[in-house]
N, C-alpha and C. Protein backbone atom coordinates (compact mmCIF):
# COMPACT_ATOMS: atom_id res chain seq x y z
N UNK A 1 161.06 -115.12 -284.22
CA UNK A 1 162.45 -116.04 -285.13
C UNK A 1 163.38 -116.42 -284.34
N UNK A 2 163.85 -117.56 -284.17
CA UNK A 2 164.82 -118.09 -283.40
C UNK A 2 166.28 -117.39 -283.99
N UNK A 3 167.31 -117.56 -283.03
CA UNK A 3 168.45 -117.15 -283.54
C UNK A 3 169.19 -117.58 -285.06
N UNK A 4 169.01 -119.09 -284.84
CA UNK A 4 169.04 -119.93 -285.75
C UNK A 4 168.55 -119.37 -287.24
N UNK A 5 167.34 -119.57 -286.96
CA UNK A 5 166.44 -119.02 -288.25
C UNK A 5 166.87 -117.63 -288.72
N UNK A 6 166.97 -116.68 -287.70
CA UNK A 6 167.58 -115.43 -288.07
C UNK A 6 168.87 -115.44 -288.81
N UNK A 7 169.86 -116.47 -288.45
CA UNK A 7 170.98 -116.46 -289.15
C UNK A 7 170.72 -117.00 -290.31
N UNK A 8 170.23 -118.17 -290.43
CA UNK A 8 169.53 -118.56 -291.94
C UNK A 8 169.36 -117.94 -293.14
N UNK A 9 168.33 -117.02 -292.20
CA UNK A 9 167.65 -115.98 -293.23
C UNK A 9 168.41 -114.86 -293.80
N UNK A 10 169.59 -114.46 -293.08
CA UNK A 10 170.32 -113.49 -293.39
C UNK A 10 171.71 -114.20 -294.08
N UNK A 11 172.08 -113.56 -295.45
CA UNK A 11 173.11 -113.94 -296.16
C UNK A 11 174.46 -114.02 -295.95
N UNK A 12 174.40 -112.86 -295.31
CA UNK A 12 176.05 -112.04 -294.63
C UNK A 12 176.37 -112.88 -293.29
N UNK A 13 175.35 -113.16 -292.54
CA UNK A 13 175.48 -114.10 -291.55
C UNK A 13 176.13 -115.95 -291.73
N UNK A 14 175.05 -116.10 -292.93
CA UNK A 14 175.46 -117.15 -293.18
C UNK A 14 177.09 -117.43 -293.89
N UNK A 15 177.47 -116.34 -294.62
CA UNK A 15 178.57 -116.55 -295.01
C UNK A 15 179.56 -116.40 -294.11
N UNK A 16 179.14 -115.44 -293.11
CA UNK A 16 180.37 -115.16 -292.00
C UNK A 16 180.57 -116.51 -291.14
N UNK A 17 179.58 -117.43 -290.98
CA UNK A 17 179.79 -118.77 -290.35
C UNK A 17 180.30 -119.48 -290.98
N UNK A 18 180.05 -119.51 -292.42
CA UNK A 18 180.99 -120.22 -293.48
C UNK A 18 182.40 -120.18 -293.29
N UNK A 19 182.28 -118.99 -293.72
CA UNK A 19 184.21 -118.33 -293.37
C UNK A 19 185.05 -119.05 -292.17
N UNK A 20 184.36 -118.78 -291.02
CA UNK A 20 185.23 -119.27 -290.01
C UNK A 20 185.05 -120.76 -289.61
N UNK A 21 184.32 -121.31 -290.15
CA UNK A 21 184.14 -123.07 -290.58
C UNK A 21 185.30 -123.20 -291.57
N UNK A 22 185.31 -122.52 -292.40
CA UNK A 22 186.39 -122.72 -293.56
C UNK A 22 187.97 -122.78 -292.96
N UNK A 23 187.95 -121.83 -292.27
CA UNK A 23 189.45 -121.69 -291.70
C UNK A 23 189.66 -122.41 -290.58
N UNK A 24 188.46 -122.76 -289.77
CA UNK A 24 188.50 -123.46 -288.60
C UNK A 24 189.39 -124.57 -288.84
N UNK A 25 189.53 -125.23 -289.99
CA UNK A 25 190.74 -126.69 -290.01
C UNK A 25 191.54 -126.11 -291.24
N UNK A 26 192.87 -126.17 -291.08
CA UNK A 26 193.90 -125.88 -292.25
C UNK A 26 193.69 -127.21 -292.85
N UNK A 27 193.62 -127.22 -294.32
CA UNK A 27 193.59 -128.31 -295.26
C UNK A 27 195.11 -129.03 -294.68
N UNK A 28 195.03 -130.47 -294.93
CA UNK A 28 196.45 -131.03 -295.09
C UNK A 28 196.95 -131.03 -296.42
N UNK A 29 197.79 -131.38 -296.60
CA UNK A 29 198.60 -131.63 -298.02
C UNK A 29 200.06 -132.07 -297.97
N UNK A 30 199.92 -133.02 -299.46
CA UNK A 30 200.93 -134.00 -299.50
C UNK A 30 202.26 -133.43 -299.99
N UNK A 31 202.20 -132.04 -300.51
CA UNK A 31 203.33 -131.33 -301.33
C UNK A 31 204.16 -131.09 -300.24
N UNK A 32 205.57 -131.32 -300.90
CA UNK A 32 206.40 -130.89 -300.14
C UNK A 32 207.79 -129.78 -301.03
N UNK A 33 208.60 -129.57 -300.69
CA UNK A 33 209.45 -128.32 -301.51
C UNK A 33 210.22 -129.20 -302.35
N UNK A 34 210.29 -128.78 -303.88
CA UNK A 34 210.83 -129.44 -304.83
C UNK A 34 212.12 -128.32 -305.37
N UNK A 35 212.79 -128.52 -306.13
CA UNK A 35 213.72 -127.58 -306.74
C UNK A 35 212.99 -126.84 -307.61
N UNK A 36 211.88 -127.25 -308.57
CA UNK A 36 211.31 -126.36 -309.43
C UNK A 36 210.30 -125.97 -309.08
N UNK A 37 210.23 -124.99 -308.08
CA UNK A 37 208.86 -124.64 -307.25
C UNK A 37 207.96 -123.80 -308.45
N UNK A 38 208.54 -122.99 -309.06
CA UNK A 38 207.54 -122.09 -309.97
C UNK A 38 206.56 -123.01 -310.85
N UNK A 39 207.15 -123.73 -311.49
CA UNK A 39 206.77 -124.61 -312.43
C UNK A 39 205.65 -125.49 -311.66
N UNK A 40 205.58 -125.93 -310.45
CA UNK A 40 204.93 -127.01 -309.87
C UNK A 40 203.65 -125.84 -309.05
N UNK A 41 204.23 -124.80 -308.69
CA UNK A 41 203.15 -123.73 -308.50
C UNK A 41 202.27 -123.31 -309.45
N UNK A 42 202.84 -123.20 -310.61
CA UNK A 42 201.87 -122.70 -311.72
C UNK A 42 200.93 -124.00 -311.93
N UNK A 43 201.35 -125.40 -311.73
CA UNK A 43 200.42 -126.58 -312.18
C UNK A 43 199.35 -126.47 -310.99
N UNK A 44 199.84 -126.22 -309.79
CA UNK A 44 198.86 -126.41 -308.63
C UNK A 44 197.66 -125.42 -308.88
N UNK A 45 197.97 -124.12 -309.28
CA UNK A 45 197.34 -123.13 -309.39
C UNK A 45 196.52 -123.47 -310.65
N UNK A 46 196.68 -124.03 -311.81
CA UNK A 46 195.96 -123.88 -312.80
C UNK A 46 194.91 -125.05 -312.55
N UNK A 47 195.36 -126.00 -312.10
CA UNK A 47 194.60 -127.30 -311.67
C UNK A 47 193.20 -126.71 -310.66
N UNK A 48 193.53 -125.99 -309.80
CA UNK A 48 192.80 -125.60 -308.84
C UNK A 48 191.60 -124.43 -309.55
N UNK A 49 192.31 -123.65 -310.32
CA UNK A 49 191.25 -122.46 -311.10
C UNK A 49 190.71 -123.19 -312.12
N UNK A 50 190.85 -124.43 -312.69
CA UNK A 50 190.08 -125.21 -313.56
C UNK A 50 189.04 -125.95 -312.81
N UNK A 51 189.21 -126.50 -311.64
CA UNK A 51 188.25 -127.14 -310.94
C UNK A 51 187.15 -126.01 -310.40
N UNK A 52 187.76 -124.99 -309.85
CA UNK A 52 187.14 -124.04 -309.26
C UNK A 52 186.17 -123.40 -310.23
N UNK A 53 186.52 -123.24 -311.74
CA UNK A 53 185.26 -122.89 -312.60
C UNK A 53 184.52 -123.81 -313.01
N UNK A 54 184.95 -125.19 -313.26
CA UNK A 54 183.88 -126.05 -313.52
C UNK A 54 182.69 -126.54 -312.46
N UNK A 55 183.49 -126.45 -311.06
CA UNK A 55 182.51 -126.60 -309.86
C UNK A 55 181.48 -124.98 -310.14
N UNK A 56 181.64 -123.83 -310.02
CA UNK A 56 180.90 -122.93 -309.70
C UNK A 56 179.92 -122.96 -311.24
N UNK A 57 180.54 -123.13 -312.51
CA UNK A 57 179.78 -123.47 -313.53
C UNK A 57 178.58 -124.16 -313.50
N UNK A 58 178.97 -125.13 -312.78
CA UNK A 58 177.99 -126.43 -312.69
C UNK A 58 176.59 -126.01 -311.80
N UNK A 59 177.16 -125.41 -310.60
CA UNK A 59 176.34 -124.68 -309.48
C UNK A 59 175.22 -123.60 -309.94
N UNK A 60 175.86 -122.96 -311.14
CA UNK A 60 175.20 -121.77 -311.63
C UNK A 60 174.10 -122.14 -312.78
N UNK A 61 174.22 -123.34 -313.11
CA UNK A 61 173.32 -123.64 -314.30
C UNK A 61 171.59 -123.41 -314.05
N UNK A 62 171.14 -123.76 -312.57
CA UNK A 62 169.79 -123.57 -312.93
C UNK A 62 169.35 -122.16 -312.96
N UNK A 63 168.46 -121.85 -313.81
CA UNK A 63 168.27 -120.28 -314.22
C UNK A 63 167.35 -119.84 -313.01
N UNK A 64 166.96 -118.68 -313.17
CA UNK A 64 165.86 -118.10 -312.26
C UNK A 64 166.00 -118.29 -310.76
N UNK A 65 164.90 -118.27 -310.03
CA UNK A 65 165.05 -118.56 -308.57
C UNK A 65 165.66 -119.30 -308.26
N UNK A 66 165.85 -120.53 -308.72
CA UNK A 66 166.61 -121.76 -308.43
C UNK A 66 167.90 -121.32 -308.36
N UNK A 67 168.48 -120.53 -309.45
CA UNK A 67 169.74 -120.03 -309.49
C UNK A 67 170.31 -119.36 -307.83
N UNK A 68 169.38 -118.67 -307.53
CA UNK A 68 169.79 -117.73 -306.35
C UNK A 68 170.16 -118.59 -305.03
N UNK A 69 169.46 -119.94 -305.13
CA UNK A 69 169.73 -120.87 -303.97
C UNK A 69 171.37 -121.60 -304.08
N UNK A 70 171.76 -121.09 -305.24
CA UNK A 70 173.07 -122.07 -305.18
C UNK A 70 174.48 -121.18 -305.29
N UNK A 71 173.86 -119.96 -304.79
CA UNK A 71 175.03 -118.70 -304.74
C UNK A 71 175.93 -119.34 -303.37
N UNK A 72 175.29 -119.46 -302.47
CA UNK A 72 176.45 -119.65 -301.23
C UNK A 72 177.13 -121.02 -301.50
N UNK A 73 175.94 -122.02 -301.75
CA UNK A 73 176.96 -123.11 -302.26
C UNK A 73 178.20 -123.47 -303.20
N UNK A 74 177.91 -122.38 -304.20
CA UNK A 74 178.74 -122.29 -305.11
C UNK A 74 180.12 -121.46 -304.44
N UNK A 75 179.91 -120.55 -303.59
CA UNK A 75 180.87 -119.61 -302.86
C UNK A 75 181.54 -120.78 -302.03
N UNK A 76 181.08 -121.45 -301.29
CA UNK A 76 181.63 -122.66 -300.29
C UNK A 76 182.31 -123.76 -301.15
N UNK A 77 182.09 -123.95 -302.18
CA UNK A 77 182.60 -125.17 -302.91
C UNK A 77 184.16 -124.48 -303.58
N UNK A 78 184.07 -123.33 -303.87
CA UNK A 78 184.95 -122.48 -304.41
C UNK A 78 186.09 -122.32 -303.23
N UNK A 79 185.89 -121.85 -302.35
CA UNK A 79 186.67 -121.45 -301.14
C UNK A 79 186.97 -122.77 -300.58
N UNK A 80 186.67 -123.70 -300.88
CA UNK A 80 187.40 -125.10 -300.15
C UNK A 80 188.42 -125.69 -301.28
N UNK A 81 188.06 -125.28 -302.50
CA UNK A 81 189.30 -125.92 -303.56
C UNK A 81 190.24 -124.82 -303.49
N UNK A 82 189.86 -123.60 -302.98
CA UNK A 82 191.07 -122.43 -303.09
C UNK A 82 191.83 -122.87 -301.37
N UNK A 83 191.30 -122.86 -300.41
CA UNK A 83 191.77 -123.15 -299.39
C UNK A 83 192.80 -124.60 -299.65
N UNK A 84 192.49 -125.44 -300.04
CA UNK A 84 193.31 -126.70 -300.29
C UNK A 84 194.63 -126.23 -301.08
N UNK A 85 194.31 -125.24 -302.33
CA UNK A 85 195.09 -124.91 -302.88
C UNK A 85 196.37 -123.98 -302.42
N UNK A 86 195.75 -123.18 -301.01
CA UNK A 86 196.70 -122.44 -300.56
C UNK A 86 197.86 -123.43 -299.39
N UNK A 87 197.04 -124.42 -299.12
CA UNK A 87 197.59 -125.51 -298.29
C UNK A 87 198.78 -125.98 -299.02
N UNK A 88 198.43 -126.56 -300.42
CA UNK A 88 199.46 -127.21 -301.17
C UNK A 88 200.63 -126.22 -301.21
N UNK A 89 200.17 -124.94 -301.71
CA UNK A 89 201.10 -124.09 -302.04
C UNK A 89 202.27 -123.41 -300.87
N UNK A 90 201.59 -123.51 -299.54
CA UNK A 90 202.49 -123.72 -298.27
C UNK A 90 203.10 -124.77 -298.26
N UNK A 91 202.79 -125.91 -298.37
CA UNK A 91 203.63 -127.20 -298.49
C UNK A 91 204.85 -127.04 -299.55
N UNK A 92 204.49 -126.79 -300.98
CA UNK A 92 205.59 -126.72 -301.75
C UNK A 92 206.66 -125.37 -301.36
N UNK A 93 206.30 -124.59 -300.83
CA UNK A 93 207.30 -123.74 -300.24
C UNK A 93 207.87 -123.84 -298.84
N UNK A 94 207.80 -125.04 -298.30
CA UNK A 94 208.04 -125.30 -296.98
C UNK A 94 207.38 -124.34 -295.93
N UNK A 95 205.96 -123.89 -295.91
CA UNK A 95 205.23 -123.01 -294.96
C UNK A 95 204.37 -123.91 -294.45
N UNK A 96 204.25 -125.13 -294.38
CA UNK A 96 202.91 -125.64 -294.08
C UNK A 96 202.86 -125.55 -292.22
N UNK A 97 204.19 -125.97 -291.33
CA UNK A 97 203.95 -125.68 -290.00
C UNK A 97 203.53 -124.39 -289.60
N UNK A 98 203.46 -123.42 -290.46
CA UNK A 98 203.41 -121.82 -289.72
C UNK A 98 202.06 -121.54 -290.47
N UNK A 99 201.56 -122.32 -291.25
CA UNK A 99 200.34 -121.78 -291.98
C UNK A 99 198.88 -121.36 -290.96
N UNK A 100 198.50 -120.40 -290.92
CA UNK A 100 197.75 -119.97 -290.10
C UNK A 100 196.29 -119.48 -290.52
N UNK A 101 195.15 -119.54 -289.61
CA UNK A 101 194.14 -119.00 -290.13
C UNK A 101 193.96 -117.73 -290.57
N UNK A 102 194.84 -116.63 -289.75
CA UNK A 102 194.96 -115.48 -290.59
C UNK A 102 195.67 -115.37 -291.84
N UNK A 103 196.39 -116.39 -292.34
CA UNK A 103 197.22 -116.48 -293.56
C UNK A 103 195.88 -116.81 -294.46
N UNK A 104 195.52 -117.85 -294.13
CA UNK A 104 194.24 -118.41 -295.02
C UNK A 104 193.15 -117.47 -295.62
N UNK A 105 192.79 -116.77 -294.35
CA UNK A 105 191.84 -115.41 -294.65
C UNK A 105 192.62 -114.57 -295.93
N UNK A 106 193.73 -114.10 -295.64
CA UNK A 106 194.23 -113.27 -296.08
C UNK A 106 194.51 -113.61 -297.58
N UNK A 107 194.97 -114.80 -297.98
CA UNK A 107 195.16 -115.47 -299.30
C UNK A 107 193.80 -115.48 -299.90
N UNK A 108 192.92 -115.97 -299.43
CA UNK A 108 191.52 -116.43 -300.15
C UNK A 108 190.78 -114.91 -300.22
N UNK A 109 190.70 -114.08 -299.34
CA UNK A 109 189.87 -113.29 -299.45
C UNK A 109 190.46 -111.68 -299.80
N UNK A 110 191.73 -111.60 -299.91
CA UNK A 110 192.44 -110.41 -300.11
C UNK A 110 192.05 -109.54 -301.42
N UNK A 111 191.80 -110.65 -302.53
CA UNK A 111 191.29 -110.07 -303.93
C UNK A 111 190.04 -109.33 -303.65
N UNK A 112 189.17 -109.81 -302.92
CA UNK A 112 187.79 -109.48 -303.16
C UNK A 112 187.36 -108.82 -302.00
N UNK A 113 187.82 -108.60 -300.87
CA UNK A 113 187.70 -107.99 -299.55
C UNK A 113 188.90 -107.72 -298.90
N UNK A 114 189.79 -106.70 -299.64
CA UNK A 114 191.04 -106.32 -298.89
C UNK A 114 191.10 -105.65 -297.75
N UNK A 115 190.08 -104.72 -297.78
CA UNK A 115 189.99 -103.79 -296.36
C UNK A 115 189.57 -104.77 -295.12
N UNK A 116 189.17 -105.75 -295.65
CA UNK A 116 188.56 -106.47 -294.10
C UNK A 116 190.02 -107.51 -293.69
N UNK A 117 191.09 -107.86 -294.60
CA UNK A 117 192.26 -108.41 -293.88
C UNK A 117 193.21 -107.55 -293.92
N UNK A 118 193.27 -106.54 -294.32
CA UNK A 118 194.53 -105.86 -294.09
C UNK A 118 195.15 -105.67 -292.93
N UNK A 119 194.46 -106.02 -291.89
CA UNK A 119 195.18 -105.98 -290.45
C UNK A 119 195.73 -107.15 -290.02
N UNK A 120 195.18 -108.43 -290.89
CA UNK A 120 195.88 -109.77 -290.34
C UNK A 120 197.12 -110.10 -291.15
N UNK A 121 197.55 -109.63 -292.33
CA UNK A 121 198.92 -109.74 -292.76
C UNK A 121 199.42 -108.62 -293.49
N UNK A 122 200.52 -108.20 -293.06
CA UNK A 122 201.07 -106.87 -293.57
C UNK A 122 202.70 -107.18 -294.18
N UNK A 123 202.81 -106.70 -295.47
CA UNK A 123 204.04 -106.73 -296.24
C UNK A 123 204.80 -105.60 -295.56
N UNK A 124 206.16 -105.86 -295.17
CA UNK A 124 207.16 -105.01 -294.47
C UNK A 124 208.10 -105.34 -295.31
N UNK A 125 208.68 -104.38 -296.59
CA UNK A 125 209.76 -104.77 -297.44
C UNK A 125 209.71 -105.96 -298.15
N UNK A 126 210.62 -106.88 -297.82
CA UNK A 126 210.79 -108.19 -298.76
C UNK A 126 210.35 -109.15 -297.64
N UNK A 127 209.37 -108.99 -296.58
CA UNK A 127 208.90 -109.91 -295.88
C UNK A 127 207.52 -109.69 -295.36
N UNK A 128 206.50 -110.50 -294.79
CA UNK A 128 205.52 -110.52 -294.28
C UNK A 128 205.47 -110.61 -292.91
N UNK A 129 204.27 -109.82 -292.11
CA UNK A 129 204.66 -110.11 -290.90
C UNK A 129 202.82 -110.34 -290.50
N UNK A 130 202.76 -111.52 -290.15
CA UNK A 130 201.39 -112.25 -289.94
C UNK A 130 201.03 -111.85 -288.40
N UNK A 131 199.92 -111.09 -288.41
CA UNK A 131 199.44 -110.68 -286.94
C UNK A 131 198.89 -111.78 -285.91
N UNK A 132 199.05 -111.81 -284.99
CA UNK A 132 198.57 -112.68 -283.91
C UNK A 132 196.91 -112.38 -283.73
N UNK A 133 196.14 -112.99 -284.75
CA UNK A 133 195.06 -112.64 -284.39
C UNK A 133 194.05 -113.56 -283.69
N UNK A 134 193.37 -112.78 -282.48
CA UNK A 134 192.35 -113.46 -281.64
C UNK A 134 191.02 -113.93 -282.34
N UNK A 135 190.43 -114.49 -281.47
CA UNK A 135 189.33 -115.47 -282.36
C UNK A 135 188.31 -114.32 -282.65
N UNK A 136 188.02 -113.35 -281.56
CA UNK A 136 187.21 -112.16 -282.03
C UNK A 136 187.56 -111.18 -283.19
N UNK A 137 189.09 -111.24 -283.38
CA UNK A 137 189.41 -110.49 -284.55
C UNK A 137 189.11 -111.15 -285.80
N UNK A 138 189.30 -112.51 -285.78
CA UNK A 138 188.95 -113.20 -287.14
C UNK A 138 187.41 -113.40 -287.17
N UNK A 139 186.66 -113.21 -286.22
CA UNK A 139 185.28 -113.30 -286.37
C UNK A 139 184.62 -111.85 -287.13
N UNK A 140 185.53 -110.96 -286.58
CA UNK A 140 185.13 -109.59 -287.26
C UNK A 140 185.39 -109.34 -288.59
N UNK A 141 186.48 -110.01 -288.98
CA UNK A 141 187.03 -109.82 -290.46
C UNK A 141 186.10 -110.77 -291.35
N UNK A 142 185.89 -112.05 -290.75
CA UNK A 142 184.82 -112.59 -291.39
C UNK A 142 183.52 -111.88 -291.54
N UNK A 143 182.98 -111.19 -290.76
CA UNK A 143 181.88 -110.53 -290.61
C UNK A 143 181.69 -109.49 -291.89
N UNK A 144 183.00 -108.80 -292.00
CA UNK A 144 183.20 -107.72 -292.67
C UNK A 144 183.12 -108.29 -294.15
N UNK A 145 184.16 -109.50 -294.25
CA UNK A 145 184.03 -110.25 -295.74
C UNK A 145 182.63 -110.76 -296.23
N UNK A 146 181.75 -111.41 -295.12
CA UNK A 146 180.33 -111.75 -295.25
C UNK A 146 179.32 -110.32 -295.90
N UNK A 147 179.80 -109.29 -295.15
CA UNK A 147 179.01 -108.33 -295.61
C UNK A 147 179.46 -107.80 -297.21
N UNK A 148 180.67 -107.83 -297.28
CA UNK A 148 180.94 -107.25 -298.83
C UNK A 148 180.75 -108.54 -299.76
N UNK A 149 180.55 -109.81 -299.45
CA UNK A 149 180.20 -110.25 -300.68
C UNK A 149 178.88 -110.55 -300.43
N UNK A 150 178.05 -110.45 -299.57
CA UNK A 150 176.46 -110.22 -299.69
C UNK A 150 176.31 -109.20 -300.76
N UNK A 151 176.91 -108.10 -300.62
CA UNK A 151 176.41 -107.06 -301.56
C UNK A 151 176.90 -107.25 -303.04
N UNK A 152 178.06 -107.90 -303.49
CA UNK A 152 178.53 -108.47 -304.52
C UNK A 152 177.42 -109.69 -305.12
N UNK A 153 176.79 -110.45 -304.31
CA UNK A 153 176.03 -111.64 -304.09
C UNK A 153 174.93 -111.10 -305.44
N UNK A 154 174.15 -109.88 -305.11
CA UNK A 154 173.18 -109.51 -305.47
C UNK A 154 173.67 -109.62 -307.13
N UNK A 155 174.65 -108.84 -307.57
CA UNK A 155 175.16 -108.90 -309.09
C UNK A 155 175.15 -110.50 -309.58
N UNK A 156 175.89 -111.30 -308.73
CA UNK A 156 176.24 -112.22 -309.38
C UNK A 156 175.03 -113.19 -309.50
N UNK A 157 173.86 -112.80 -308.46
CA UNK A 157 172.91 -113.42 -308.52
C UNK A 157 171.72 -113.16 -309.74
N UNK A 158 171.73 -111.71 -310.31
CA UNK A 158 171.09 -111.61 -311.51
C UNK A 158 171.73 -112.50 -312.80
N UNK A 159 173.00 -112.62 -312.74
CA UNK A 159 173.57 -113.54 -313.89
C UNK A 159 172.79 -114.98 -313.74
N UNK A 160 172.37 -115.46 -313.00
CA UNK A 160 171.60 -116.87 -313.06
C UNK A 160 170.21 -116.87 -313.57
N UNK A 161 170.06 -115.47 -314.00
CA UNK A 161 168.66 -115.53 -314.69
C UNK A 161 168.77 -115.90 -316.12
N UNK A 162 170.09 -116.00 -316.56
CA UNK A 162 170.39 -116.20 -317.96
C UNK A 162 170.82 -117.62 -317.93
N UNK A 163 170.37 -118.41 -318.47
CA UNK A 163 170.97 -120.22 -318.44
C UNK A 163 172.15 -120.09 -319.25
N UNK A 164 173.20 -120.65 -318.97
CA UNK A 164 174.12 -121.29 -319.77
C UNK A 164 175.19 -119.99 -319.64
N UNK A 165 174.52 -118.58 -320.43
CA UNK A 165 175.48 -117.68 -320.47
C UNK A 165 175.81 -117.32 -319.01
N UNK A 166 174.90 -117.14 -318.18
CA UNK A 166 175.11 -116.94 -316.63
C UNK A 166 176.33 -117.92 -316.11
N UNK A 167 176.24 -119.21 -316.55
CA UNK A 167 176.91 -120.29 -315.67
C UNK A 167 178.40 -119.91 -316.37
N UNK A 168 178.46 -119.70 -317.57
CA UNK A 168 179.98 -119.44 -318.35
C UNK A 168 180.58 -118.38 -317.52
N UNK A 169 179.81 -117.15 -317.20
CA UNK A 169 180.20 -115.88 -316.63
C UNK A 169 180.59 -116.32 -315.23
N UNK A 170 179.83 -116.89 -314.43
CA UNK A 170 180.29 -117.61 -313.00
C UNK A 170 181.50 -118.41 -313.16
N UNK A 171 181.78 -119.35 -313.82
CA UNK A 171 182.64 -120.20 -314.03
C UNK A 171 184.02 -119.39 -314.48
N UNK A 172 183.82 -118.41 -315.26
CA UNK A 172 184.87 -117.52 -315.67
C UNK A 172 185.47 -116.79 -314.44
N UNK A 173 184.54 -116.15 -313.67
CA UNK A 173 185.04 -115.68 -312.47
C UNK A 173 185.88 -116.42 -311.81
N UNK A 174 185.10 -117.55 -311.46
CA UNK A 174 185.58 -118.26 -310.27
C UNK A 174 187.13 -118.62 -310.56
N UNK A 175 187.27 -119.02 -312.15
CA UNK A 175 189.03 -119.37 -312.68
C UNK A 175 189.52 -117.98 -312.21
N UNK A 176 189.26 -117.00 -312.73
CA UNK A 176 190.12 -115.78 -312.26
C UNK A 176 190.13 -115.72 -311.02
N UNK A 177 189.14 -115.56 -309.81
CA UNK A 177 189.38 -115.51 -308.50
C UNK A 177 190.19 -116.31 -307.96
N UNK A 178 190.23 -117.65 -308.39
CA UNK A 178 191.28 -118.69 -307.92
C UNK A 178 192.77 -118.44 -308.36
N UNK A 179 192.81 -117.58 -309.38
CA UNK A 179 194.41 -117.55 -310.14
C UNK A 179 194.54 -116.31 -308.98
N UNK A 180 193.74 -115.16 -308.91
CA UNK A 180 194.17 -114.10 -307.88
C UNK A 180 194.45 -114.96 -306.59
N UNK A 181 193.80 -115.58 -305.90
CA UNK A 181 194.15 -116.30 -304.52
C UNK A 181 195.74 -116.59 -304.75
N UNK A 182 195.92 -117.72 -305.99
CA UNK A 182 197.00 -118.34 -305.90
C UNK A 182 198.25 -117.23 -305.99
N UNK A 183 197.92 -116.34 -306.71
CA UNK A 183 199.21 -115.08 -306.84
C UNK A 183 199.47 -114.47 -305.44
N UNK A 184 198.22 -114.09 -304.87
CA UNK A 184 198.56 -113.71 -303.58
C UNK A 184 199.48 -114.75 -302.73
N UNK A 185 199.12 -115.95 -302.54
CA UNK A 185 199.77 -117.19 -302.02
C UNK A 185 201.20 -117.09 -302.03
N UNK A 186 201.37 -117.60 -303.68
CA UNK A 186 202.65 -117.43 -303.78
C UNK A 186 203.42 -116.51 -303.71
N UNK A 187 203.36 -115.30 -303.53
CA UNK A 187 204.01 -114.07 -303.37
C UNK A 187 204.50 -113.84 -301.72
N UNK A 188 203.32 -114.42 -301.18
CA UNK A 188 203.67 -114.49 -299.83
C UNK A 188 204.58 -115.91 -299.18
N UNK A 189 204.45 -116.73 -299.62
CA UNK A 189 205.25 -118.03 -299.56
C UNK A 189 206.42 -117.77 -300.00
N UNK A 190 206.80 -117.00 -301.07
CA UNK A 190 208.07 -116.87 -301.33
C UNK A 190 209.15 -116.02 -300.80
N UNK A 191 208.24 -115.09 -299.93
CA UNK A 191 209.18 -114.53 -298.98
C UNK A 191 209.13 -115.07 -297.53
N UNK A 192 210.15 -114.44 -296.67
CA UNK A 192 210.31 -114.57 -295.12
C UNK A 192 208.86 -114.37 -294.73
N UNK A 193 208.52 -115.12 -293.73
CA UNK A 193 207.33 -114.74 -292.96
C UNK A 193 207.50 -114.83 -291.35
N UNK A 194 206.92 -113.84 -290.87
CA UNK A 194 207.18 -113.42 -289.46
C UNK A 194 205.95 -113.55 -288.64
N UNK A 195 205.99 -113.92 -287.50
CA UNK A 195 204.58 -113.98 -286.87
C UNK A 195 204.60 -113.31 -285.77
N UNK A 196 203.93 -112.16 -285.44
CA UNK A 196 203.62 -111.32 -284.45
C UNK A 196 203.39 -111.85 -283.32
N UNK A 197 203.94 -112.24 -282.27
CA UNK A 197 203.79 -112.78 -281.01
C UNK A 197 202.90 -111.94 -280.25
N UNK A 198 202.13 -112.35 -279.27
CA UNK A 198 201.49 -111.53 -278.24
C UNK A 198 202.57 -111.11 -277.24
N UNK A 199 202.37 -109.73 -276.62
CA UNK A 199 203.26 -109.44 -275.49
C UNK A 199 203.21 -110.39 -274.43
N UNK A 200 204.60 -110.94 -274.04
CA UNK A 200 204.54 -111.54 -272.85
C UNK A 200 203.85 -111.03 -271.48
N UNK A 201 203.21 -111.77 -270.64
CA UNK A 201 202.49 -111.53 -269.51
C UNK A 201 203.63 -110.61 -268.65
N UNK A 202 202.94 -109.70 -267.95
CA UNK A 202 203.93 -109.27 -266.71
C UNK A 202 204.17 -110.05 -265.71
N UNK A 203 205.70 -109.92 -265.28
CA UNK A 203 206.03 -110.95 -264.28
C UNK A 203 205.34 -110.43 -262.98
N UNK A 204 204.94 -111.51 -261.87
CA UNK A 204 204.72 -111.09 -261.11
C UNK A 204 205.73 -111.43 -260.03
N UNK A 205 205.85 -110.45 -258.92
CA UNK A 205 206.78 -110.66 -257.92
C UNK A 205 206.11 -111.53 -256.80
N UNK A 206 206.83 -112.76 -256.35
CA UNK A 206 206.35 -113.56 -255.31
C UNK A 206 207.13 -113.34 -254.04
N UNK A 207 206.18 -112.77 -253.15
CA UNK A 207 206.80 -112.55 -251.70
C UNK A 207 207.22 -114.07 -250.86
N UNK A 208 208.33 -114.39 -250.70
CA UNK A 208 208.93 -115.84 -250.16
C UNK A 208 208.73 -115.62 -248.50
N UNK A 209 208.15 -116.42 -248.10
CA UNK A 209 207.87 -116.42 -246.51
C UNK A 209 209.48 -116.39 -246.13
N UNK A 210 209.93 -115.42 -245.01
CA UNK A 210 210.86 -115.31 -244.29
C UNK A 210 211.38 -116.85 -243.43
């Protein structure tokens, strides 16, 4: 079996790849800071949650074996909606310029896989410290999330054997999950955010010719 075929056959690897692809490009936003930030933030969150619920519910309609095939597409569709929502909330709170891959991972997956992202963003008092994550660190976090979500996916897949009832449950969870992502993002963007820069390279002494 080739490496690609092995990756396609392993749900956790497929999810890892999908997560890295998701954060590989920060979504653009047209949101700008406004006076009534809280009201606009709720509107953004509610709209995204409703869209995620509708999308996930529709993809969960096929019962039986076909339902299993829609799990990963459903997750990807919901994550994209959540990613755009996070970008929009960052724009609303004037944090677009500093929005990083670490923050995207933290906001989207803190609710479902807190242990995997705990080293990326840390709350210190009234501010958030965003760690300078290497590509290797991001990949490791994505792998942990992929494994965690694969384990959860077994239970999610069982629901697809119940037509309509399963779809309603999946849609309801997508709404709840998106609301939690919004809560995490709003809490962070409301605070001061500091980025932990890597230590400077050691200076080298250059011997000039006499």
